[in-house]
Amino acid sequence: MEQEIMRIGVSLPENLLTKFGYIIAQRGYSSRSEGIRDAIRNYLTHYEWMSDLQGERVGVITMVYSQAQHGLVDSLIDIQHDLGKIVHSSLHIHMDHDNCLEVIVLKGEGKEVKKAAERMMALKGVKHVKLNITSMIEEF
């Protein structure tokens, strides 16, 4: 069954578009549109997988952000303090003058772990957030 194709406009920084162009050429896509469709399908699949988070989970948030973004560091600290009961550890690395890498380990209700990552992801100046999450392993 063929679906109707909708056209949209997307504004991207030049460096992001250049990197994306390189990757789609390497992977053999016939067009940017095909690469974007594939990226969106992957994003939707990941989102659906992350939606089933019942019970206690351990999660690791890996995040890259611009420390130069006004108020961002304070917002990230506030979120971690709000979630104090599930944040178990964090590691902060200065990647270069402007960019920082933060790794945060959380343990708690799966939906709360996911919500923490989403709150951080939504902040302006956060460039990348990856949440890896697993269920608790029962001892035998």
Protein backbone atom coordinates (compact mmCIF):
# COMPACT_ATOMS: atom_id res chain seq x y z
CA MET A 1 0.00 0.00 0.00
CA GLU A 2 1.54 3.27 -1.13
CA GLN A 3 1.35 6.19 1.29
CA GLU A 4 0.95 9.82 0.34
CA ILE A 5 4.22 11.75 0.54
CA MET A 6 4.08 15.03 2.48
CA ARG A 7 6.66 17.76 1.95
CA ILE A 8 8.11 19.64 4.91
CA GLY A 9 10.79 22.27 5.35
CA VAL A 10 13.59 21.75 7.83
CA SER A 11 16.18 24.31 8.90
CA LEU A 12 19.56 22.82 9.84
CA PRO A 13 22.98 24.24 10.63
CA GLU A 14 25.34 23.83 7.67
CA ASN A 15 27.76 21.55 9.53
CA LEU A 16 24.93 19.17 10.50
CA LEU A 17 23.66 19.00 6.93
CA THR A 18 27.20 18.43 5.62
CA LYS A 19 27.80 15.55 8.05
CA PHE A 20 24.40 14.07 7.25
CA GLY A 21 25.14 14.32 3.52
CA TYR A 22 28.40 12.46 4.00
CA ILE A 23 26.71 9.67 5.98
CA ILE A 24 23.86 9.16 3.53
CA ALA A 25 26.36 8.99 0.66
CA GLN A 26 28.42 6.40 2.57
CA ARG A 27 25.32 4.33 3.30
CA GLY A 28 24.14 4.50 -0.30
CA TYR A 29 20.88 6.40 0.10
CA SER A 30 19.45 7.74 -3.13
CA SER A 31 18.55 11.10 -1.55
CA ARG A 32 18.55 13.13 1.64
CA SER A 33 14.82 12.50 1.90
CA GLU A 34 15.37 8.74 2.07
CA GLY A 35 18.02 9.21 4.76
CA ILE A 36 15.73 11.49 6.76
CA ARG A 37 12.82 9.01 6.47
CA ASP A 38 15.10 6.23 7.74
CA ALA A 39 16.34 8.40 10.63
CA ILE A 40 12.75 9.25 11.60
CA ARG A 41 11.72 5.56 11.45
CA ASN A 42 14.66 4.69 13.74
CA TYR A 43 13.71 7.50 16.13
CA LEU A 44 10.08 6.30 16.25
CA THR A 45 11.13 2.69 16.87
CA HIS A 46 13.44 3.77 19.70
CA TYR A 47 10.70 5.96 21.20
CA GLU A 48 8.18 3.10 21.14
CA TRP A 49 10.71 0.73 22.73
CA MET A 50 11.45 3.28 25.46
CA SER A 51 7.73 3.74 26.19
CA ASP A 52 7.41 0.38 27.97
CA LEU A 53 9.32 1.09 31.16
CA GLN A 54 7.33 -0.52 33.96
CA GLY A 55 9.20 -1.32 37.16
CA GLU A 56 12.60 -0.51 38.59
CA ARG A 57 15.34 0.26 36.07
CA VAL A 58 18.96 1.32 35.94
CA GLY A 59 19.72 3.97 33.36
CA VAL A 60 22.75 5.82 32.07
CA ILE A 61 22.28 9.22 30.47
CA THR A 62 25.14 10.33 28.25
CA MET A 63 24.86 13.98 27.30
CA VAL A 64 26.91 16.55 25.38
CA TYR A 65 26.06 20.19 25.90
CA SER A 66 27.37 23.70 25.45
CA GLN A 67 28.52 25.10 28.77
CA ALA A 68 28.37 28.55 27.15
CA GLN A 69 24.55 28.38 26.85
CA HIS A 70 23.25 30.89 29.39
CA GLY A 71 21.55 29.17 32.34
CA LEU A 72 21.95 25.63 30.99
CA VAL A 73 24.38 24.36 33.64
CA ASP A 74 22.10 25.64 36.41
CA SER A 75 19.08 23.98 34.78
CA LEU A 76 20.91 20.65 34.51
CA ILE A 77 21.97 20.85 38.15
CA ASP A 78 18.42 21.74 39.21
CA ILE A 79 17.02 18.70 37.36
CA GLN A 80 19.55 16.40 39.02
CA HIS A 81 18.74 17.84 42.44
CA ASP A 82 14.99 17.46 41.78
CA LEU A 83 15.67 13.79 40.98
CA GLY A 84 18.08 13.30 43.88
CA LYS A 85 16.51 10.06 45.04
CA ILE A 86 17.18 8.33 41.68
CA VAL A 87 20.46 10.01 40.64
CA HIS A 88 23.25 7.81 41.95
CA SER A 89 26.34 9.21 40.27
CA SER A 90 27.51 11.67 37.64
CA LEU A 91 30.72 12.28 35.76
CA HIS A 92 31.55 15.59 34.11
CA ILE A 93 34.23 15.98 31.43
CA HIS A 94 35.32 19.15 29.62
CA MET A 95 35.58 18.12 25.96
CA ASP A 96 36.86 21.49 24.76
CA HIS A 97 36.39 25.17 25.60
CA ASP A 98 32.66 25.13 24.85
CA ASN A 99 31.46 21.53 25.17
CA CYS A 100 31.00 19.24 28.14
CA LEU A 101 30.17 15.56 28.42
CA GLU A 102 28.08 14.42 31.35
CA VAL A 103 27.34 10.82 32.28
CA ILE A 104 24.59 10.32 34.86
CA VAL A 105 23.68 6.97 36.45
CA LEU A 106 20.11 6.62 37.70
CA LYS A 107 18.18 3.88 39.46
CA GLY A 108 14.45 4.00 39.98
CA GLU A 109 11.06 3.62 38.37
CA GLY A 110 11.61 3.29 34.61
CA LYS A 111 9.23 6.10 33.70
CA GLU A 112 11.05 8.49 36.05
CA VAL A 113 14.43 7.55 34.55
CA LYS A 114 13.06 8.23 31.07
CA LYS A 115 11.48 11.51 32.19
CA ALA A 116 14.85 12.68 33.54
CA ALA A 117 16.49 12.14 30.16
CA GLU A 118 13.63 13.87 28.35
CA ARG A 119 13.81 16.90 30.66
CA MET A 120 17.52 17.27 29.91
CA MET A 121 17.05 16.64 26.21
CA ALA A 122 14.53 19.48 25.92
CA LEU A 123 16.93 22.17 27.18
CA LYS A 124 18.42 24.64 24.73
CA GLY A 125 22.15 24.07 24.36
CA VAL A 126 21.96 20.31 24.91
CA LYS A 127 23.43 18.85 21.73
CA HIS A 128 23.07 15.13 22.30
CA VAL A 129 21.37 12.89 24.85
CA LYS A 130 21.45 9.11 24.83
CA LEU A 131 19.62 7.04 27.42
CA ASN A 132 20.61 3.42 27.92
CA ILE A 133 18.29 1.64 30.27
CA THR A 134 17.98 -1.90 31.59
CA SER A 135 15.77 -3.77 34.00
CA MET A 136 17.05 -4.88 37.37
CA ILE A 137 18.69 -8.30 37.32
CA GLU A 138 17.27 -10.57 39.99
CA GLU A 139 19.72 -12.56 42.05
CA PHE A 140 19.30 -16.35 42.15
